[in-house]
């Protein structure tokens, strides 16, 4: 609460990110990555070993963001 005693209005999402989980081939921990669209190396935050990852389709990412209006369309209408 603020000093004025008025409750704070809930904040709607302004953007969204898509996180993919890649399983570490060394320790089996799920490593979260923000929509990797290029082949690269990921580093496990548990065992610290690096491994190559398969990129995701950039068109699919753009489609999901477009369909959800960058996260704005995914707000629960009953909550508003």
C-alpha atoms as a PDB file:
ATOM      1  CA  UNK A   1       0.000   0.000   0.000  1.00  0.00           C
ATOM      2  CA  UNK A   2       1.029   3.559  -0.546  1.00  0.00           C
ATOM      3  CA  UNK A   3       1.322   6.175   2.167  1.00  0.00           C
ATOM      4  CA  UNK A   4      -2.040   7.650   1.175  1.00  0.00           C
ATOM      5  CA  UNK A   5      -3.720   4.390   2.158  1.00  0.00           C
ATOM      6  CA  UNK A   6      -5.200   3.871  -1.300  1.00  0.00           C
ATOM      7  CA  UNK A   7      -4.700   0.377  -2.717  1.00  0.00           C
ATOM      8  CA  UNK A   8      -2.461   0.070  -5.759  1.00  0.00           C
ATOM      9  CA  UNK A   9      -4.235  -0.909  -8.976  1.00  0.00           C
ATOM     10  CA  UNK A  10      -3.127  -4.241 -10.466  1.00  0.00           C
ATOM     11  CA  UNK A  11      -0.689  -3.776 -13.341  1.00  0.00           C
ATOM     12  CA  UNK A  12      -1.328  -5.387 -16.730  1.00  0.00           C
ATOM     13  CA  UNK A  13       1.498  -6.966 -18.725  1.00  0.00           C
ATOM     14  CA  UNK A  14       3.247  -4.571 -21.081  1.00  0.00           C
ATOM     15  CA  UNK A  15       5.262  -7.188 -22.976  1.00  0.00           C
ATOM     16  CA  UNK A  16       5.951 -10.905 -23.002  1.00  0.00           C
ATOM     17  CA  UNK A  17       8.915 -13.187 -23.478  1.00  0.00           C
ATOM     18  CA  UNK A  18       8.873 -16.826 -24.442  1.00  0.00           C
ATOM     19  CA  UNK A  19      11.190 -19.048 -22.440  1.00  0.00           C
ATOM     20  CA  UNK A  20      12.302 -22.431 -23.728  1.00  0.00           C
ATOM     21  CA  UNK A  21      13.701 -25.126 -21.470  1.00  0.00           C
ATOM     22  CA  UNK A  22      16.645 -27.138 -22.748  1.00  0.00           C
ATOM     23  CA  UNK A  23      17.652 -30.231 -20.777  1.00  0.00           C
ATOM     24  CA  UNK A  24      21.356 -30.296 -19.943  1.00  0.00           C
ATOM     25  CA  UNK A  25      22.853 -33.478 -21.436  1.00  0.00           C
ATOM     26  CA  UNK A  26      25.290 -33.747 -18.521  1.00  0.00           C
ATOM     27  CA  UNK A  27      23.147 -33.308 -15.400  1.00  0.00           C
ATOM     28  CA  UNK A  28      19.564 -33.352 -16.796  1.00  0.00           C
ATOM     29  CA  UNK A  29      18.682 -29.944 -15.354  1.00  0.00           C
ATOM     30  CA  UNK A  30      16.272 -27.792 -17.390  1.00  0.00           C
ATOM     31  CA  UNK A  31      18.095 -24.670 -18.565  1.00  0.00           C
ATOM     32  CA  UNK A  32      15.768 -21.728 -19.375  1.00  0.00           C
ATOM     33  CA  UNK A  33      16.618 -19.638 -22.459  1.00  0.00           C
ATOM     34  CA  UNK A  34      14.762 -16.673 -23.945  1.00  0.00           C
ATOM     35  CA  UNK A  35      13.619 -17.852 -27.394  1.00  0.00           C
ATOM     36  CA  UNK A  36      17.010 -18.649 -28.943  1.00  0.00           C
ATOM     37  CA  UNK A  37      16.596 -18.120 -32.706  1.00  0.00           C
ATOM     38  CA  UNK A  38      20.200 -18.883 -33.709  1.00  0.00           C
ATOM     39  CA  UNK A  39      22.357 -21.952 -33.152  1.00  0.00           C
ATOM     40  CA  UNK A  40      24.528 -21.322 -30.126  1.00  0.00           C
ATOM     41  CA  UNK A  41      25.985 -22.815 -26.984  1.00  0.00           C
ATOM     42  CA  UNK A  42      24.098 -22.839 -23.698  1.00  0.00           C
ATOM     43  CA  UNK A  43      25.670 -23.122 -20.283  1.00  0.00           C
ATOM     44  CA  UNK A  44      24.004 -25.090 -17.536  1.00  0.00           C
ATOM     45  CA  UNK A  45      23.603 -23.061 -14.365  1.00  0.00           C
ATOM     46  CA  UNK A  46      23.986 -26.189 -12.214  1.00  0.00           C
ATOM     47  CA  UNK A  47      27.003 -28.063 -13.601  1.00  0.00           C
ATOM     48  CA  UNK A  48      28.434 -25.079 -15.578  1.00  0.00           C
ATOM     49  CA  UNK A  49      29.080 -27.219 -18.675  1.00  0.00           C
ATOM     50  CA  UNK A  50      28.302 -25.883 -22.157  1.00  0.00           C
ATOM     51  CA  UNK A  51      26.292 -27.689 -24.812  1.00  0.00           C
ATOM     52  CA  UNK A  52      24.984 -26.810 -28.297  1.00  0.00           C
ATOM     53  CA  UNK A  53      21.283 -26.031 -28.703  1.00  0.00           C
ATOM     54  CA  UNK A  54      18.829 -26.287 -31.577  1.00  0.00           C
ATOM     55  CA  UNK A  55      17.293 -22.859 -32.295  1.00  0.00           C
ATOM     56  CA  UNK A  56      13.551 -22.190 -32.379  1.00  0.00           C
ATOM     57  CA  UNK A  57      11.679 -20.851 -35.396  1.00  0.00           C
ATOM     58  CA  UNK A  58      11.615 -17.048 -35.316  1.00  0.00           C
ATOM     59  CA  UNK A  59       8.382 -17.009 -37.343  1.00  0.00           C
ATOM     60  CA  UNK A  60       6.637 -19.085 -34.686  1.00  0.00           C
ATOM     61  CA  UNK A  61       7.825 -16.693 -31.974  1.00  0.00           C
ATOM     62  CA  UNK A  62       6.539 -13.686 -33.927  1.00  0.00           C
ATOM     63  CA  UNK A  63       3.205 -15.468 -34.500  1.00  0.00           C
ATOM     64  CA  UNK A  64       2.655 -16.166 -30.795  1.00  0.00           C
ATOM     65  CA  UNK A  65       3.590 -12.588 -29.869  1.00  0.00           C
ATOM     66  CA  UNK A  66       1.256 -11.238 -32.549  1.00  0.00           C
ATOM     67  CA  UNK A  67      -1.653 -13.468 -31.532  1.00  0.00           C
ATOM     68  CA  UNK A  68      -1.281 -12.463 -27.868  1.00  0.00           C
ATOM     69  CA  UNK A  69      -0.634  -8.775 -28.706  1.00  0.00           C
ATOM     70  CA  UNK A  70       2.697  -8.907 -26.912  1.00  0.00           C
ATOM     71  CA  UNK A  71       1.041 -10.362 -23.800  1.00  0.00           C
ATOM     72  CA  UNK A  72      -1.830  -7.877 -23.552  1.00  0.00           C
ATOM     73  CA  UNK A  73      -4.391 -10.321 -25.005  1.00  0.00           C
ATOM     74  CA  UNK A  74      -3.511 -13.007 -22.479  1.00  0.00           C
ATOM     75  CA  UNK A  75      -4.954 -11.087 -19.517  1.00  0.00           C
ATOM     76  CA  UNK A  76      -7.821 -12.911 -17.807  1.00  0.00           C
ATOM     77  CA  UNK A  77     -10.968 -10.939 -18.821  1.00  0.00           C
ATOM     78  CA  UNK A  78     -12.747 -11.937 -15.600  1.00  0.00           C
ATOM     79  CA  UNK A  79     -10.008 -10.279 -13.556  1.00  0.00           C
ATOM     80  CA  UNK A  80     -10.519  -6.929 -15.268  1.00  0.00           C
END
